[in-house]
Amino acid sequence: MRKPTLVMLVAGLFAALLLVHVATGPYRTLAAIHAAVANDDARSLARHVDFPAVRASLKVQLRDRLARRYGAAANEGTLGLLAMGAAGFAVDGAVEVMVTPIGLAALMQGRAMWRDASGAFVAPRAAAPSGAAPVPGNALAEAERRFESASRFTATFPDEEGRPIVLVLSRQGLDWRLTDIRLPPGA
């Protein structure tokens, strides 16, 4: 049996460090997002979010909800189709405005602005009693975290009504970024 050479030891150490770096990446990314939200640091938050991917995902989810809720009415005539088209453009515009570093910080702090599509922004909630939804700013700290695959990680936390919001982080090379926000069903 041959003794391991220095090159093999260094290669093994490098591989182990690389594995640890990738495996702890989503936790470090969530901590960085949490810190950016807590410090109102939009620039730092932007480094950890793939905004085009998040916008695209939210547009699909919201358009799907719109179609499920009002799709039957849209099939009743031309006016219904025009209304659905206009509503779809409104959804796209709202997502473009809200999916910014400031808008995501508001969501993660527990502000209800995402729930109100009419444009009426709601102030942050007061401290929640024991067993209730998390206090603003603590949603990520108390999120349930898990790997879905080697390159997909989720953090789930309740909205102000206790329904689950899921943040999806995806591995991009050796780094992790927020790429999707799964809204609660029926929100």
N, C-alpha and C. Protein backbone atom coordinates (compact mmCIF):
# COMPACT_ATOMS: atom_id res chain seq x y z
N MET A 1 0.83 -1.17 0.00
CA MET A 1 0.00 0.00 0.00
C MET A 1 0.88 1.25 0.00
N ARG A 2 0.56 2.17 -0.90
CA ARG A 2 1.36 3.39 -1.00
C ARG A 2 0.84 4.46 -0.06
N LYS A 3 1.76 5.26 0.43
CA LYS A 3 1.37 6.38 1.27
C LYS A 3 0.78 7.48 0.39
N PRO A 4 -0.23 8.18 0.90
CA PRO A 4 -0.79 9.27 0.11
C PRO A 4 0.25 10.36 -0.09
N THR A 5 0.29 10.84 -1.27
CA THR A 5 1.23 11.91 -1.56
C THR A 5 0.64 13.24 -1.13
N LEU A 6 1.49 14.20 -1.05
CA LEU A 6 1.07 15.54 -0.67
C LEU A 6 0.03 16.09 -1.64
N VAL A 7 0.19 15.79 -2.91
CA VAL A 7 -0.76 16.26 -3.92
C VAL A 7 -2.14 15.66 -3.68
N MET A 8 -2.19 14.39 -3.35
CA MET A 8 -3.48 13.74 -3.09
C MET A 8 -4.13 14.31 -1.83
N LEU A 9 -3.34 14.59 -0.81
CA LEU A 9 -3.87 15.17 0.42
C LEU A 9 -4.43 16.57 0.16
N VAL A 10 -3.70 17.37 -0.58
CA VAL A 10 -4.16 18.73 -0.90
C VAL A 10 -5.42 18.66 -1.75
N ALA A 11 -5.46 17.76 -2.71
CA ALA A 11 -6.65 17.62 -3.57
C ALA A 11 -7.85 17.18 -2.74
N GLY A 12 -7.65 16.26 -1.81
CA GLY A 12 -8.74 15.82 -0.95
C GLY A 12 -9.23 16.93 -0.04
N LEU A 13 -8.30 17.70 0.50
CA LEU A 13 -8.66 18.83 1.35
C LEU A 13 -9.42 19.89 0.55
N PHE A 14 -8.96 20.16 -0.65
CA PHE A 14 -9.63 21.13 -1.51
C PHE A 14 -11.05 20.66 -1.84
N ALA A 15 -11.22 19.39 -2.17
CA ALA A 15 -12.54 18.85 -2.48
C ALA A 15 -13.47 18.95 -1.27
N ALA A 16 -12.95 18.65 -0.09
CA ALA A 16 -13.76 18.74 1.12
C ALA A 16 -14.18 20.18 1.40
N LEU A 17 -13.26 21.11 1.26
CA LEU A 17 -13.58 22.53 1.47
C LEU A 17 -14.60 23.02 0.44
N LEU A 18 -14.46 22.58 -0.78
CA LEU A 18 -15.41 22.96 -1.84
C LEU A 18 -16.81 22.42 -1.52
N LEU A 19 -16.88 21.20 -1.07
CA LEU A 19 -18.15 20.60 -0.69
C LEU A 19 -18.79 21.35 0.48
N VAL A 20 -18.01 21.71 1.48
CA VAL A 20 -18.52 22.47 2.62
C VAL A 20 -19.00 23.85 2.16
N HIS A 21 -18.25 24.49 1.27
CA HIS A 21 -18.63 25.81 0.76
C HIS A 21 -19.98 25.75 0.04
N VAL A 22 -20.16 24.77 -0.82
CA VAL A 22 -21.42 24.64 -1.56
C VAL A 22 -22.57 24.25 -0.64
N ALA A 23 -22.32 23.34 0.29
CA ALA A 23 -23.39 22.87 1.18
C ALA A 23 -23.85 23.95 2.16
N THR A 24 -22.96 24.83 2.57
CA THR A 24 -23.35 25.89 3.49
C THR A 24 -23.78 27.16 2.76
N GLY A 25 -23.64 27.17 1.46
CA GLY A 25 -23.97 28.35 0.66
C GLY A 25 -25.37 28.89 0.85
N PRO A 26 -26.42 28.05 0.81
CA PRO A 26 -27.76 28.61 0.99
C PRO A 26 -27.98 29.22 2.37
N TYR A 27 -27.37 28.63 3.38
CA TYR A 27 -27.51 29.17 4.73
C TYR A 27 -26.81 30.54 4.83
N ARG A 28 -25.64 30.63 4.22
CA ARG A 28 -24.92 31.91 4.22
C ARG A 28 -25.68 32.95 3.41
N THR A 29 -26.29 32.52 2.29
CA THR A 29 -27.07 33.45 1.46
C THR A 29 -28.29 33.94 2.21
N LEU A 30 -29.01 33.03 2.88
CA LEU A 30 -30.17 33.46 3.67
C LEU A 30 -29.75 34.41 4.79
N ALA A 31 -28.62 34.13 5.43
CA ALA A 31 -28.13 35.02 6.49
C ALA A 31 -27.80 36.40 5.91
N ALA A 32 -27.20 36.42 4.73
CA ALA A 32 -26.88 37.70 4.09
C ALA A 32 -28.15 38.45 3.69
N ILE A 33 -29.16 37.72 3.19
CA ILE A 33 -30.44 38.35 2.84
C ILE A 33 -31.09 38.88 4.10
N HIS A 34 -31.08 38.09 5.17
CA HIS A 34 -31.68 38.52 6.44
C HIS A 34 -30.98 39.78 6.95
N ALA A 35 -29.65 39.79 6.90
CA ALA A 35 -28.90 40.96 7.36
C ALA A 35 -29.20 42.18 6.50
N ALA A 36 -29.30 41.98 5.20
CA ALA A 36 -29.60 43.10 4.29
C ALA A 36 -30.99 43.67 4.58
N VAL A 37 -31.94 42.78 4.86
CA VAL A 37 -33.30 43.23 5.19
C VAL A 37 -33.29 43.98 6.52
N ALA A 38 -32.61 43.42 7.51
CA ALA A 38 -32.57 44.04 8.84
C ALA A 38 -31.89 45.41 8.80
N ASN A 39 -30.90 45.56 7.93
CA ASN A 39 -30.15 46.82 7.84
C ASN A 39 -30.69 47.75 6.74
N ASP A 40 -31.80 47.38 6.11
CA ASP A 40 -32.34 48.16 4.99
C ASP A 40 -31.28 48.42 3.93
N ASP A 41 -30.48 47.40 3.61
CA ASP A 41 -29.40 47.52 2.65
C ASP A 41 -29.83 46.90 1.32
N ALA A 42 -30.47 47.71 0.48
CA ALA A 42 -31.01 47.23 -0.79
C ALA A 42 -29.91 46.75 -1.72
N ARG A 43 -28.76 47.39 -1.70
CA ARG A 43 -27.65 46.99 -2.58
C ARG A 43 -27.15 45.59 -2.23
N SER A 44 -27.00 45.32 -0.95
CA SER A 44 -26.56 43.99 -0.51
C SER A 44 -27.62 42.94 -0.85
N LEU A 45 -28.88 43.27 -0.66
CA LEU A 45 -29.96 42.35 -1.00
C LEU A 45 -29.94 42.01 -2.48
N ALA A 46 -29.69 43.01 -3.31
CA ALA A 46 -29.69 42.80 -4.76
C ALA A 46 -28.60 41.83 -5.21
N ARG A 47 -27.51 41.73 -4.46
CA ARG A 47 -26.43 40.80 -4.83
C ARG A 47 -26.85 39.34 -4.67
N HIS A 48 -27.89 39.09 -3.88
CA HIS A 48 -28.29 37.73 -3.58
C HIS A 48 -29.61 37.32 -4.23
N VAL A 49 -30.12 38.15 -5.14
CA VAL A 49 -31.41 37.89 -5.76
C VAL A 49 -31.28 37.97 -7.28
N ASP A 50 -31.82 36.97 -7.96
CA ASP A 50 -31.91 36.98 -9.42
C ASP A 50 -33.26 37.61 -9.78
N PHE A 51 -33.29 38.94 -9.87
CA PHE A 51 -34.56 39.65 -10.05
C PHE A 51 -35.33 39.25 -11.30
N PRO A 52 -34.70 39.07 -12.47
CA PRO A 52 -35.49 38.63 -13.63
C PRO A 52 -36.19 37.29 -13.41
N ALA A 53 -35.52 36.34 -12.76
CA ALA A 53 -36.14 35.04 -12.50
C ALA A 53 -37.29 35.16 -11.50
N VAL A 54 -37.12 35.96 -10.45
CA VAL A 54 -38.18 36.14 -9.46
C VAL A 54 -39.38 36.83 -10.10
N ARG A 55 -39.13 37.86 -10.90
CA ARG A 55 -40.24 38.57 -11.58
C ARG A 55 -41.01 37.62 -12.49
N ALA A 56 -40.29 36.84 -13.28
CA ALA A 56 -40.94 35.92 -14.21
C ALA A 56 -41.81 34.92 -13.46
N SER A 57 -41.31 34.37 -12.38
CA SER A 57 -42.06 33.40 -11.60
C SER A 57 -43.32 34.02 -11.00
N LEU A 58 -43.19 35.20 -10.43
CA LEU A 58 -44.35 35.84 -9.82
C LEU A 58 -45.40 36.22 -10.87
N LYS A 59 -44.96 36.66 -12.03
CA LYS A 59 -45.92 36.99 -13.09
C LYS A 59 -46.73 35.76 -13.49
N VAL A 60 -46.07 34.62 -13.63
CA VAL A 60 -46.77 33.40 -13.99
C VAL A 60 -47.77 33.01 -12.91
N GLN A 61 -47.34 33.05 -11.64
CA GLN A 61 -48.24 32.68 -10.54
C GLN A 61 -49.46 33.60 -10.47
N LEU A 62 -49.23 34.91 -10.58
CA LEU A 62 -50.33 35.86 -10.45
C LEU A 62 -51.26 35.82 -11.65
N ARG A 63 -50.71 35.65 -12.85
CA ARG A 63 -51.58 35.52 -14.04
C ARG A 63 -52.42 34.25 -13.96
N ASP A 64 -51.82 33.16 -13.44
CA ASP A 64 -52.56 31.91 -13.28
C ASP A 64 -53.71 32.09 -12.30
N ARG A 65 -53.46 32.77 -11.19
CA ARG A 65 -54.54 33.03 -10.23
C ARG A 65 -55.63 33.88 -10.83
N LEU A 66 -55.24 34.85 -11.61
CA LEU A 66 -56.20 35.72 -12.26
C LEU A 66 -57.07 34.92 -13.23
N ALA A 67 -56.44 34.06 -14.00
CA ALA A 67 -57.18 33.23 -14.96
C ALA A 67 -58.11 32.26 -14.25
N ARG A 68 -57.67 31.68 -13.15
CA ARG A 68 -58.52 30.75 -12.40
C ARG A 68 -59.72 31.46 -11.79
N ARG A 69 -59.48 32.67 -11.31
CA ARG A 69 -60.55 33.40 -10.63
C ARG A 69 -61.55 34.01 -11.61
N TYR A 70 -61.05 34.57 -12.71
CA TYR A 70 -61.93 35.32 -13.61
C TYR A 70 -61.96 34.77 -15.04
N GLY A 71 -61.34 33.61 -15.24
CA GLY A 71 -61.26 33.05 -16.59
C GLY A 71 -62.60 32.74 -17.20
N ALA A 72 -63.54 32.23 -16.43
CA ALA A 72 -64.87 31.89 -16.95
C ALA A 72 -65.59 33.15 -17.43
N ALA A 73 -65.44 34.24 -16.69
CA ALA A 73 -66.08 35.49 -17.10
C ALA A 73 -65.46 36.03 -18.39
N ALA A 74 -64.16 35.80 -18.56
CA ALA A 74 -63.48 36.30 -19.76
C ALA A 74 -63.95 35.57 -21.01
N ASN A 75 -64.39 34.34 -20.87
CA ASN A 75 -64.84 33.56 -22.02
C ASN A 75 -66.25 33.94 -22.47
N GLU A 76 -66.91 34.80 -21.71
CA GLU A 76 -68.28 35.17 -22.04
C GLU A 76 -68.39 36.22 -23.12
N GLY A 77 -67.32 36.84 -23.50
CA GLY A 77 -67.42 37.83 -24.56
C GLY A 77 -66.15 38.63 -24.73
N THR A 78 -66.19 39.51 -25.70
CA THR A 78 -65.04 40.33 -26.04
C THR A 78 -64.64 41.24 -24.89
N LEU A 79 -65.62 41.82 -24.22
CA LEU A 79 -65.32 42.71 -23.11
C LEU A 79 -64.58 41.96 -22.00
N GLY A 80 -64.98 40.73 -21.74
CA GLY A 80 -64.30 39.92 -20.73
C GLY A 80 -62.87 39.62 -21.11
N LEU A 81 -62.63 39.34 -22.40
CA LEU A 81 -61.27 39.09 -22.87
C LEU A 81 -60.41 40.34 -22.74
N LEU A 82 -60.98 41.49 -23.07
CA LEU A 82 -60.24 42.74 -22.94
C LEU A 82 -59.90 43.03 -21.48
N ALA A 83 -60.86 42.76 -20.60
CA ALA A 83 -60.63 42.99 -19.17
C ALA A 83 -59.53 42.06 -18.65
N MET A 84 -59.53 40.80 -19.07
CA MET A 84 -58.48 39.87 -18.65
C MET A 84 -57.11 40.32 -19.17
N GLY A 85 -57.08 40.78 -20.40
CA GLY A 85 -55.81 41.27 -20.96
C GLY A 85 -55.28 42.47 -20.19
N ALA A 86 -56.19 43.41 -19.88
CA ALA A 86 -55.79 44.59 -19.12
C ALA A 86 -55.33 44.20 -17.72
N ALA A 87 -56.03 43.26 -17.11
CA ALA A 87 -55.64 42.81 -15.78
C ALA A 87 -54.27 42.13 -15.82
N GLY A 88 -54.01 41.39 -16.88
CA GLY A 88 -52.70 40.75 -17.03
C GLY A 88 -51.58 41.77 -17.13
N PHE A 89 -51.82 42.84 -17.87
CA PHE A 89 -50.82 43.91 -17.96
C PHE A 89 -50.64 44.60 -16.61
N ALA A 90 -51.72 44.75 -15.87
CA ALA A 90 -51.64 45.37 -14.54
C ALA A 90 -50.81 44.49 -13.60
N VAL A 91 -51.02 43.18 -13.68
CA VAL A 91 -50.23 42.25 -12.85
C VAL A 91 -48.75 42.39 -13.19
N ASP A 92 -48.45 42.39 -14.49
CA ASP A 92 -47.05 42.51 -14.90
C ASP A 92 -46.43 43.81 -14.39
N GLY A 93 -47.18 44.89 -14.50
CA GLY A 93 -46.68 46.18 -14.03
C GLY A 93 -46.46 46.20 -12.52
N ALA A 94 -47.39 45.61 -11.78
CA ALA A 94 -47.27 45.57 -10.32
C ALA A 94 -46.05 44.74 -9.91
N VAL A 95 -45.83 43.63 -10.59
CA VAL A 95 -44.66 42.78 -10.26
C VAL A 95 -43.37 43.55 -10.56
N GLU A 96 -43.32 44.26 -11.68
CA GLU A 96 -42.11 45.03 -12.03
C GLU A 96 -41.80 46.07 -10.95
N VAL A 97 -42.85 46.70 -10.43
CA VAL A 97 -42.66 47.74 -9.41
C VAL A 97 -42.30 47.13 -8.06
N MET A 98 -42.91 46.02 -7.70
CA MET A 98 -42.74 45.46 -6.37
C MET A 98 -41.52 44.56 -6.22
N VAL A 99 -41.08 43.93 -7.29
CA VAL A 99 -39.93 43.03 -7.18
C VAL A 99 -38.66 43.85 -7.41
N THR A 100 -38.34 44.57 -6.36
CA THR A 100 -37.15 45.39 -6.28
C THR A 100 -36.52 45.07 -4.92
N PRO A 101 -35.31 45.52 -4.69
CA PRO A 101 -34.74 45.28 -3.36
C PRO A 101 -35.63 45.80 -2.23
N ILE A 102 -36.23 46.95 -2.40
CA ILE A 102 -37.08 47.52 -1.35
C ILE A 102 -38.36 46.70 -1.20
N GLY A 103 -38.97 46.30 -2.30
CA GLY A 103 -40.19 45.50 -2.24
C GLY A 103 -39.97 44.14 -1.61
N LEU A 104 -38.85 43.48 -1.97
CA LEU A 104 -38.55 42.18 -1.36
C LEU A 104 -38.25 42.33 0.13
N ALA A 105 -37.58 43.39 0.50
CA ALA A 105 -37.31 43.62 1.92
C ALA A 105 -38.62 43.77 2.69
N ALA A 106 -39.59 44.46 2.10
CA ALA A 106 -40.89 44.63 2.75
C ALA A 106 -41.57 43.28 2.94
N LEU A 107 -41.52 42.43 1.91
CA LEU A 107 -42.12 41.10 2.01
C LEU A 107 -41.47 40.29 3.12
N MET A 108 -40.15 40.31 3.16
CA MET A 108 -39.43 39.49 4.13
C MET A 108 -39.53 40.04 5.54
N GLN A 109 -39.89 41.31 5.67
CA GLN A 109 -40.10 41.88 7.00
C GLN A 109 -41.51 41.62 7.48
N GLY A 110 -42.34 41.02 6.63
CA GLY A 110 -43.69 40.68 7.05
C GLY A 110 -44.70 41.76 6.75
N ARG A 111 -44.36 42.71 5.93
CA ARG A 111 -45.31 43.75 5.59
C ARG A 111 -46.34 43.19 4.63
N ALA A 112 -47.55 43.66 4.70
CA ALA A 112 -48.66 43.11 3.92
C ALA A 112 -48.78 43.72 2.54
N MET A 113 -47.80 44.48 2.08
CA MET A 113 -47.94 45.18 0.81
C MET A 113 -48.12 44.23 -0.37
N TRP A 114 -47.64 43.00 -0.28
CA TRP A 114 -47.77 42.06 -1.39
C TRP A 114 -49.19 41.56 -1.52
N ARG A 115 -49.92 41.57 -0.44
CA ARG A 115 -51.27 41.03 -0.42
C ARG A 115 -52.25 41.98 -1.08
N ASP A 116 -51.96 43.27 -1.06
CA ASP A 116 -52.89 44.28 -1.54
C ASP A 116 -52.48 44.75 -2.92
N ALA A 117 -53.06 44.17 -3.96
CA ALA A 117 -52.69 44.50 -5.33
C ALA A 117 -53.28 45.82 -5.80
N SER A 118 -54.12 46.46 -5.00
CA SER A 118 -54.74 47.71 -5.41
C SER A 118 -53.78 48.88 -5.31
N GLY A 119 -52.60 48.66 -4.77
CA GLY A 119 -51.63 49.73 -4.63
C GLY A 119 -51.63 50.34 -3.25
N ALA A 120 -52.51 49.89 -2.36
CA ALA A 120 -52.55 50.40 -1.00
C ALA A 120 -51.52 49.65 -0.17
N PHE A 121 -50.44 50.33 0.17
CA PHE A 121 -49.38 49.70 0.94
C PHE A 121 -49.71 49.79 2.42
N VAL A 122 -49.49 48.70 3.13
CA VAL A 122 -49.83 48.61 4.54
C VAL A 122 -48.56 48.73 5.36
N ALA A 123 -48.62 49.42 6.47
CA ALA A 123 -47.46 49.58 7.36
C ALA A 123 -47.10 48.24 7.97
N PRO A 124 -45.87 48.09 8.49
CA PRO A 124 -45.48 46.84 9.12
C PRO A 124 -46.40 46.51 10.28
N ARG A 125 -46.57 45.19 10.50
CA ARG A 125 -47.40 44.72 11.59
C ARG A 125 -46.74 44.99 12.93
N ALA A 126 -47.56 45.06 13.93
CA ALA A 126 -47.03 45.18 15.30
C ALA A 126 -46.48 43.83 15.72
N ALA A 127 -45.79 43.80 16.83
CA ALA A 127 -45.22 42.54 17.32
C ALA A 127 -46.32 41.50 17.48
N ALA A 128 -46.03 40.30 17.02
CA ALA A 128 -47.01 39.22 17.07
C ALA A 128 -46.95 38.51 18.41
N PRO A 129 -48.12 38.11 18.94
CA PRO A 129 -48.11 37.35 20.20
C PRO A 129 -47.52 35.97 20.00
N SER A 130 -47.24 35.30 21.09
CA SER A 130 -46.65 33.96 21.03
C SER A 130 -47.51 33.02 20.20
N GLY A 131 -46.86 32.28 19.30
CA GLY A 131 -47.56 31.31 18.45
C GLY A 131 -48.15 31.92 17.20
N ALA A 132 -48.06 33.22 17.02
CA ALA A 132 -48.61 33.88 15.83
C ALA A 132 -47.52 34.01 14.78
N ALA A 133 -47.87 34.67 13.69
CA ALA A 133 -46.91 34.88 12.61
C ALA A 133 -45.70 35.64 13.16
N PRO A 134 -44.54 35.50 12.53
CA PRO A 134 -43.33 36.12 13.04
C PRO A 134 -43.41 37.65 13.05
N VAL A 135 -42.63 38.24 13.93
CA VAL A 135 -42.52 39.69 14.00
C VAL A 135 -41.80 40.16 12.75
N PRO A 136 -42.14 41.34 12.20
CA PRO A 136 -41.45 41.82 11.01
C PRO A 136 -39.94 41.75 11.16
N GLY A 137 -39.28 41.31 10.11
CA GLY A 137 -37.83 41.22 10.11
C GLY A 137 -37.32 39.87 10.59
N ASN A 138 -38.15 39.07 11.26
CA ASN A 138 -37.72 37.79 11.79
C ASN A 138 -38.19 36.61 10.94
N ALA A 139 -38.91 36.86 9.87
CA ALA A 139 -39.46 35.78 9.06
C ALA A 139 -38.37 34.84 8.57
N LEU A 140 -37.27 35.37 8.06
CA LEU A 140 -36.20 34.50 7.56
C LEU A 140 -35.47 33.79 8.68
N ALA A 141 -35.37 34.42 9.82
CA ALA A 141 -34.66 33.80 10.94
C ALA A 141 -35.39 32.55 11.41
N GLU A 142 -36.71 32.53 11.28
CA GLU A 142 -37.50 31.41 11.75
C GLU A 142 -37.98 30.50 10.63
N ALA A 143 -37.47 30.69 9.43
CA ALA A 143 -37.93 29.91 8.29
C ALA A 143 -37.51 28.44 8.40
N GLU A 144 -38.37 27.57 7.89
CA GLU A 144 -38.03 26.15 7.79
C GLU A 144 -37.19 25.98 6.53
N ARG A 145 -36.00 25.42 6.67
CA ARG A 145 -35.06 25.32 5.54
C ARG A 145 -34.83 23.86 5.17
N ARG A 146 -34.65 23.64 3.85
CA ARG A 146 -34.32 22.28 3.42
C ARG A 146 -33.79 22.28 1.99
N PHE A 147 -32.96 21.30 1.67
CA PHE A 147 -32.48 21.09 0.31
C PHE A 147 -33.53 20.30 -0.44
N GLU A 148 -33.89 20.74 -1.64
CA GLU A 148 -34.76 19.96 -2.52
C GLU A 148 -33.91 19.13 -3.47
N SER A 149 -32.72 19.62 -3.77
CA SER A 149 -31.76 18.89 -4.59
C SER A 149 -30.39 19.51 -4.32
N ALA A 150 -29.39 19.05 -5.06
CA ALA A 150 -28.04 19.58 -4.85
C ALA A 150 -27.91 21.03 -5.29
N SER A 151 -28.85 21.50 -6.09
CA SER A 151 -28.79 22.90 -6.54
C SER A 151 -30.07 23.67 -6.30
N ARG A 152 -30.92 23.17 -5.40
CA ARG A 152 -32.16 23.86 -5.07
C ARG A 152 -32.40 23.75 -3.57
N PHE A 153 -32.69 24.90 -2.96
CA PHE A 153 -32.86 24.99 -1.51
C PHE A 153 -34.08 25.88 -1.23
N THR A 154 -34.89 25.52 -0.24
CA THR A 154 -36.06 26.32 0.06
C THR A 154 -36.05 26.78 1.53
N ALA A 155 -36.64 27.93 1.74
CA ALA A 155 -36.88 28.46 3.08
C ALA A 155 -38.34 28.86 3.12
N THR A 156 -39.10 28.27 4.02
CA THR A 156 -40.54 28.50 4.11
C THR A 156 -40.87 29.23 5.41
N PHE A 157 -41.63 30.31 5.29
CA PHE A 157 -42.07 31.05 6.47
C PHE A 157 -43.51 31.49 6.25
N PRO A 158 -44.26 31.71 7.32
CA PRO A 158 -45.67 32.08 7.18
C PRO A 158 -45.84 33.57 6.88
N ASP A 159 -46.88 33.88 6.10
CA ASP A 159 -47.23 35.28 5.89
C ASP A 159 -48.02 35.78 7.11
N GLU A 160 -48.56 36.98 7.04
CA GLU A 160 -49.26 37.53 8.20
C GLU A 160 -50.52 36.77 8.57
N GLU A 161 -51.00 35.91 7.66
CA GLU A 161 -52.18 35.08 7.95
C GLU A 161 -51.81 33.63 8.22
N GLY A 162 -50.52 33.35 8.31
CA GLY A 162 -50.06 32.00 8.63
C GLY A 162 -49.91 31.08 7.43
N ARG A 163 -50.12 31.59 6.21
CA ARG A 163 -49.97 30.77 5.00
C ARG A 163 -48.50 30.76 4.58
N PRO A 164 -48.03 29.65 3.99
CA PRO A 164 -46.60 29.53 3.69
C PRO A 164 -46.16 30.34 2.46
N ILE A 165 -45.08 31.07 2.63
CA ILE A 165 -44.36 31.69 1.52
C ILE A 165 -43.05 30.93 1.42
N VAL A 166 -42.70 30.51 0.21
CA VAL A 166 -41.49 29.71 0.02
C VAL A 166 -40.50 30.49 -0.82
N LEU A 167 -39.32 30.71 -0.26
CA LEU A 167 -38.22 31.31 -1.01
C LEU A 167 -37.39 30.17 -1.58
N VAL A 168 -37.10 30.22 -2.86
CA VAL A 168 -36.32 29.18 -3.51
C VAL A 168 -34.97 29.76 -3.91
N LEU A 169 -33.92 29.14 -3.41
CA LEU A 169 -32.56 29.53 -3.79
C LEU A 169 -32.03 28.47 -4.74
N SER A 170 -31.35 28.93 -5.77
CA SER A 170 -30.75 28.02 -6.74
C SER A 170 -29.26 28.25 -6.77
N ARG A 171 -28.54 27.15 -6.96
CA ARG A 171 -27.09 27.24 -7.05
C ARG A 171 -26.73 27.70 -8.45
N GLN A 172 -25.90 28.72 -8.52
CA GLN A 172 -25.40 29.22 -9.80
C GLN A 172 -23.89 29.19 -9.71
N GLY A 173 -23.31 28.11 -10.25
CA GLY A 173 -21.89 27.87 -10.07
C GLY A 173 -21.65 27.45 -8.63
N LEU A 174 -20.84 28.19 -7.91
CA LEU A 174 -20.58 27.89 -6.51
C LEU A 174 -21.41 28.75 -5.58
N ASP A 175 -22.13 29.72 -6.12
CA ASP A 175 -22.91 30.64 -5.31
C ASP A 175 -24.39 30.31 -5.37
N TRP A 176 -25.13 30.83 -4.40
CA TRP A 176 -26.57 30.62 -4.30
C TRP A 176 -27.26 31.97 -4.40
N ARG A 177 -28.41 31.99 -5.11
CA ARG A 177 -29.20 33.23 -5.23
C ARG A 177 -30.68 32.90 -5.12
N LEU A 178 -31.45 33.85 -4.64
CA LEU A 178 -32.89 33.72 -4.60
C LEU A 178 -33.40 33.82 -6.04
N THR A 179 -34.12 32.77 -6.51
CA THR A 179 -34.58 32.74 -7.89
C THR A 179 -36.08 32.62 -8.02
N ASP A 180 -36.76 32.36 -6.91
CA ASP A 180 -38.21 32.16 -7.00
C ASP A 180 -38.84 32.44 -5.65
N ILE A 181 -40.05 32.97 -5.68
CA ILE A 181 -40.85 33.13 -4.48
C ILE A 181 -42.18 32.46 -4.79
N ARG A 182 -42.48 31.40 -4.05
CA ARG A 182 -43.76 30.70 -4.23
C ARG A 182 -44.76 31.30 -3.24
N LEU A 183 -45.76 31.95 -3.80
CA LEU A 183 -46.78 32.58 -2.97
C LEU A 183 -47.70 31.55 -2.36
N PRO A 184 -48.34 31.89 -1.25
CA PRO A 184 -49.26 30.95 -0.62
C PRO A 184 -50.44 30.66 -1.53
N PRO A 185 -51.00 29.46 -1.46
CA PRO A 185 -52.16 29.14 -2.27
C PRO A 185 -53.33 30.07 -1.91
N GLY A 186 -53.98 30.55 -2.93
CA GLY A 186 -55.17 31.38 -2.73
C GLY A 186 -54.90 32.77 -2.22
N ALA A 187 -53.64 33.20 -2.21
CA ALA A 187 -53.33 34.55 -1.71
C ALA A 187 -53.78 35.60 -2.68
